[in-house]
Amino acid sequence: MELLTGLLLDEQMVFVHDNPTITTSVIFALKLLLRPFQYPHVLVSVLPSALLCQVECIVPFVMGISRRQFAEIVGEEDDFSQDEIYQGRTWVFLDKQKIDWSEYWRGEEVTGWYECFAAETKDDFAQFSKLTF
């Protein structure tokens, strides 16, 4: 649920795994879960090494990279959590099943947002699902 909230709040999300098939599957599954909404921003399921600098862009995005590419971005240091590029994005480590949220998500203003949204829109979605097109 938190990943969907991150997509709806225009987070910069980077998915990290060595298998591009897994990264692609997870990213497109999340995109499908947004229905009836659409993700209007940059979505790159497997980022080529030549475009690795795009992780530093300031627009909302969802990108998939490998562990090797992650090491190129943040370096080989032990404590990369202080790195500016690392702090400004949400990192989803699929192999470790770990999410490291950006600085924005660590604030109190986002806590529980998705629960309120789900409760307030439950009836709206029920009515929407009854419509025929």
C-alpha atoms as a PDB file:
ATOM      1  CA  MET A   1       0.000   0.000   0.000  1.00  0.00           C
ATOM      2  CA  GLU A   2       2.871   2.379   0.760  1.00  0.00           C
ATOM      3  CA  LEU A   3       4.324   1.918  -2.719  1.00  0.00           C
ATOM      4  CA  LEU A   4       1.009   2.854  -4.307  1.00  0.00           C
ATOM      5  CA  THR A   5       0.852   5.909  -2.082  1.00  0.00           C
ATOM      6  CA  GLY A   6       4.349   6.841  -3.189  1.00  0.00           C
ATOM      7  CA  LEU A   7       3.245   6.648  -6.818  1.00  0.00           C
ATOM      8  CA  LEU A   8       0.185   8.786  -6.151  1.00  0.00           C
ATOM      9  CA  LEU A   9       2.286  11.375  -4.304  1.00  0.00           C
ATOM     10  CA  ASP A  10       4.766  11.673  -7.191  1.00  0.00           C
ATOM     11  CA  GLU A  11       7.737  10.153  -5.401  1.00  0.00           C
ATOM     12  CA  GLN A  12      11.004   9.447  -7.168  1.00  0.00           C
ATOM     13  CA  MET A  13      11.194   5.664  -6.810  1.00  0.00           C
ATOM     14  CA  VAL A  14      14.136   3.456  -7.774  1.00  0.00           C
ATOM     15  CA  PHE A  15      13.741  -0.335  -7.754  1.00  0.00           C
ATOM     16  CA  VAL A  16      16.984  -2.289  -7.310  1.00  0.00           C
ATOM     17  CA  HIS A  17      17.456  -5.930  -8.345  1.00  0.00           C
ATOM     18  CA  ASP A  18      19.952  -7.819 -10.484  1.00  0.00           C
ATOM     19  CA  ASN A  19      17.280  -9.632 -12.488  1.00  0.00           C
ATOM     20  CA  PRO A  20      15.645  -7.207 -14.967  1.00  0.00           C
ATOM     21  CA  THR A  21      12.641  -9.524 -15.374  1.00  0.00           C
ATOM     22  CA  ILE A  22      11.771  -9.224 -11.692  1.00  0.00           C
ATOM     23  CA  THR A  23      12.245  -5.460 -11.701  1.00  0.00           C
ATOM     24  CA  THR A  24      10.028  -5.076 -14.765  1.00  0.00           C
ATOM     25  CA  SER A  25       7.326  -7.351 -13.352  1.00  0.00           C
ATOM     26  CA  VAL A  26       7.137  -5.482 -10.050  1.00  0.00           C
ATOM     27  CA  ILE A  27       7.073  -2.032 -11.657  1.00  0.00           C
ATOM     28  CA  PHE A  28       4.350  -2.909 -14.151  1.00  0.00           C
ATOM     29  CA  ALA A  29       2.310  -4.706 -11.478  1.00  0.00           C
ATOM     30  CA  LEU A  30       2.336  -1.497  -9.433  1.00  0.00           C
ATOM     31  CA  LYS A  31       1.311   0.480 -12.497  1.00  0.00           C
ATOM     32  CA  LEU A  32      -1.636  -1.851 -13.033  1.00  0.00           C
ATOM     33  CA  LEU A  33      -2.703  -1.525  -9.399  1.00  0.00           C
ATOM     34  CA  LEU A  34      -3.203   2.204  -9.930  1.00  0.00           C
ATOM     35  CA  ARG A  35      -6.249   1.564 -12.100  1.00  0.00           C
ATOM     36  CA  PRO A  36      -8.511   3.438 -12.816  1.00  0.00           C
ATOM     37  CA  PHE A  37      -5.752   6.050 -12.543  1.00  0.00           C
ATOM     38  CA  GLN A  38      -2.753   6.264 -14.852  1.00  0.00           C
ATOM     39  CA  TYR A  39       0.860   6.993 -13.980  1.00  0.00           C
ATOM     40  CA  PRO A  40       1.678  10.141 -16.022  1.00  0.00           C
ATOM     41  CA  HIS A  41       5.393  10.440 -15.250  1.00  0.00           C
ATOM     42  CA  VAL A  42       8.632   8.803 -16.384  1.00  0.00           C
ATOM     43  CA  LEU A  43       8.583   5.012 -16.031  1.00  0.00           C
ATOM     44  CA  VAL A  44      11.672   3.035 -17.055  1.00  0.00           C
ATOM     45  CA  SER A  45      11.608  -0.567 -15.916  1.00  0.00           C
ATOM     46  CA  VAL A  46      15.242  -1.275 -16.857  1.00  0.00           C
ATOM     47  CA  LEU A  47      17.464   1.794 -17.013  1.00  0.00           C
ATOM     48  CA  PRO A  48      20.402   1.409 -19.431  1.00  0.00           C
ATOM     49  CA  SER A  49      23.819   2.156 -17.950  1.00  0.00           C
ATOM     50  CA  ALA A  50      24.324   4.964 -20.474  1.00  0.00           C
ATOM     51  CA  LEU A  51      21.330   6.792 -18.940  1.00  0.00           C
ATOM     52  CA  LEU A  52      22.254   6.238 -15.302  1.00  0.00           C
ATOM     53  CA  CYS A  53      22.544   9.990 -14.728  1.00  0.00           C
ATOM     54  CA  GLN A  54      18.753  10.215 -15.160  1.00  0.00           C
ATOM     55  CA  VAL A  55      18.340   8.975 -11.584  1.00  0.00           C
ATOM     56  CA  GLU A  56      19.416  12.477 -10.558  1.00  0.00           C
ATOM     57  CA  CYS A  57      16.572  14.224 -12.406  1.00  0.00           C
ATOM     58  CA  ILE A  58      14.095  16.279 -10.384  1.00  0.00           C
ATOM     59  CA  VAL A  59      10.816  15.079 -11.901  1.00  0.00           C
ATOM     60  CA  PRO A  60       8.757  12.193 -10.458  1.00  0.00           C
ATOM     61  CA  PHE A  61       9.809   8.835 -11.862  1.00  0.00           C
ATOM     62  CA  VAL A  62       9.877   5.077 -11.403  1.00  0.00           C
ATOM     63  CA  MET A  63      13.067   3.374 -12.558  1.00  0.00           C
ATOM     64  CA  GLY A  64      14.625  -0.053 -12.246  1.00  0.00           C
ATOM     65  CA  ILE A  65      18.370  -0.541 -11.874  1.00  0.00           C
ATOM     66  CA  SER A  66      20.775  -3.354 -11.048  1.00  0.00           C
ATOM     67  CA  ARG A  67      22.937  -3.674  -7.924  1.00  0.00           C
ATOM     68  CA  ARG A  68      26.010  -2.772  -9.984  1.00  0.00           C
ATOM     69  CA  GLN A  69      24.327   0.413 -11.198  1.00  0.00           C
ATOM     70  CA  PHE A  70      23.313   1.227  -7.619  1.00  0.00           C
ATOM     71  CA  ALA A  71      26.980   0.952  -6.573  1.00  0.00           C
ATOM     72  CA  GLU A  72      27.927   3.320  -9.410  1.00  0.00           C
ATOM     73  CA  ILE A  73      25.383   5.900  -8.224  1.00  0.00           C
ATOM     74  CA  VAL A  74      26.077   5.974  -4.495  1.00  0.00           C
ATOM     75  CA  GLY A  75      29.610   4.583  -4.441  1.00  0.00           C
ATOM     76  CA  GLU A  76      31.097   1.703  -2.520  1.00  0.00           C
ATOM     77  CA  GLU A  77      31.147   3.419   0.871  1.00  0.00           C
ATOM     78  CA  ASP A  78      29.668   1.682   3.908  1.00  0.00           C
ATOM     79  CA  ASP A  79      27.209   4.413   4.890  1.00  0.00           C
ATOM     80  CA  PHE A  80      25.689   5.703   1.675  1.00  0.00           C
ATOM     81  CA  SER A  81      22.525   6.905   3.467  1.00  0.00           C
ATOM     82  CA  GLN A  82      24.117  10.366   3.792  1.00  0.00           C
ATOM     83  CA  ASP A  83      24.518  10.671   0.020  1.00  0.00           C
ATOM     84  CA  GLU A  84      22.345  13.465  -1.431  1.00  0.00           C
ATOM     85  CA  ILE A  85      21.148  11.333  -4.347  1.00  0.00           C
ATOM     86  CA  TYR A  86      20.242   8.517  -1.967  1.00  0.00           C
ATOM     87  CA  GLN A  87      18.332  10.712   0.503  1.00  0.00           C
ATOM     88  CA  GLY A  88      16.098  12.394  -2.073  1.00  0.00           C
ATOM     89  CA  ARG A  89      14.572   9.212  -3.463  1.00  0.00           C
ATOM     90  CA  THR A  90      12.666   6.156  -2.354  1.00  0.00           C
ATOM     91  CA  TRP A  91      14.805   3.038  -2.864  1.00  0.00           C
ATOM     92  CA  VAL A  92      13.104  -0.339  -3.144  1.00  0.00           C
ATOM     93  CA  PHE A  93      15.563  -3.215  -2.743  1.00  0.00           C
ATOM     94  CA  LEU A  94      13.645  -6.162  -4.166  1.00  0.00           C
ATOM     95  CA  ASP A  95      16.268  -8.787  -3.307  1.00  0.00           C
ATOM     96  CA  LYS A  96      16.338  -7.710   0.354  1.00  0.00           C
ATOM     97  CA  GLN A  97      12.595  -6.935   0.490  1.00  0.00           C
ATOM     98  CA  LYS A  98      13.451  -3.542   1.956  1.00  0.00           C
ATOM     99  CA  ILE A  99      12.139  -0.038   1.263  1.00  0.00           C
ATOM    100  CA  ASP A 100      14.170   3.003   2.225  1.00  0.00           C
ATOM    101  CA  TRP A 101      11.895   6.032   2.027  1.00  0.00           C
ATOM    102  CA  SER A 102      12.978   9.480   0.937  1.00  0.00           C
ATOM    103  CA  GLU A 103      13.279  12.323   3.444  1.00  0.00           C
ATOM    104  CA  TYR A 104       9.732  13.473   2.603  1.00  0.00           C
ATOM    105  CA  TRP A 105       8.249  10.140   3.667  1.00  0.00           C
ATOM    106  CA  ARG A 106      10.025  10.225   7.004  1.00  0.00           C
ATOM    107  CA  GLY A 107       7.968  13.249   8.051  1.00  0.00           C
ATOM    108  CA  GLU A 108       4.754  13.049  10.060  1.00  0.00           C
ATOM    109  CA  GLU A 109       2.581  14.708   7.390  1.00  0.00           C
ATOM    110  CA  VAL A 110       2.413  11.559   5.253  1.00  0.00           C
ATOM    111  CA  THR A 111       1.789   9.032   8.005  1.00  0.00           C
ATOM    112  CA  GLY A 112      -1.552   7.328   7.512  1.00  0.00           C
ATOM    113  CA  TRP A 113      -2.449   9.293   4.361  1.00  0.00           C
ATOM    114  CA  TYR A 114      -3.340   6.184   2.388  1.00  0.00           C
ATOM    115  CA  GLU A 115      -5.664   4.902   5.138  1.00  0.00           C
ATOM    116  CA  CYS A 116      -7.627   8.160   5.138  1.00  0.00           C
ATOM    117  CA  PHE A 117      -7.738   8.140   1.340  1.00  0.00           C
ATOM    118  CA  ALA A 118      -9.049   4.572   1.240  1.00  0.00           C
ATOM    119  CA  ALA A 119     -11.724   5.285   3.855  1.00  0.00           C
ATOM    120  CA  GLU A 120     -12.906   8.495   2.170  1.00  0.00           C
ATOM    121  CA  THR A 121     -13.061   7.070  -1.346  1.00  0.00           C
ATOM    122  CA  LYS A 122     -14.454   3.615  -0.605  1.00  0.00           C
ATOM    123  CA  ASP A 123     -18.027   4.579  -1.546  1.00  0.00           C
ATOM    124  CA  ASP A 124     -16.875   6.482  -4.637  1.00  0.00           C
ATOM    125  CA  PHE A 125     -15.005   3.463  -5.974  1.00  0.00           C
ATOM    126  CA  ALA A 126     -17.980   1.199  -5.222  1.00  0.00           C
ATOM    127  CA  GLN A 127     -20.236   3.456  -7.286  1.00  0.00           C
ATOM    128  CA  PHE A 128     -17.643   3.701 -10.050  1.00  0.00           C
ATOM    129  CA  SER A 129     -17.346  -0.072 -10.321  1.00  0.00           C
ATOM    130  CA  LYS A 130     -21.107  -0.371 -10.914  1.00  0.00           C
ATOM    131  CA  LEU A 131     -20.959   1.849 -14.007  1.00  0.00           C
ATOM    132  CA  THR A 132     -20.990   0.190 -17.401  1.00  0.00           C
ATOM    133  CA  PHE A 133     -19.105   1.631 -20.317  1.00  0.00           C
END
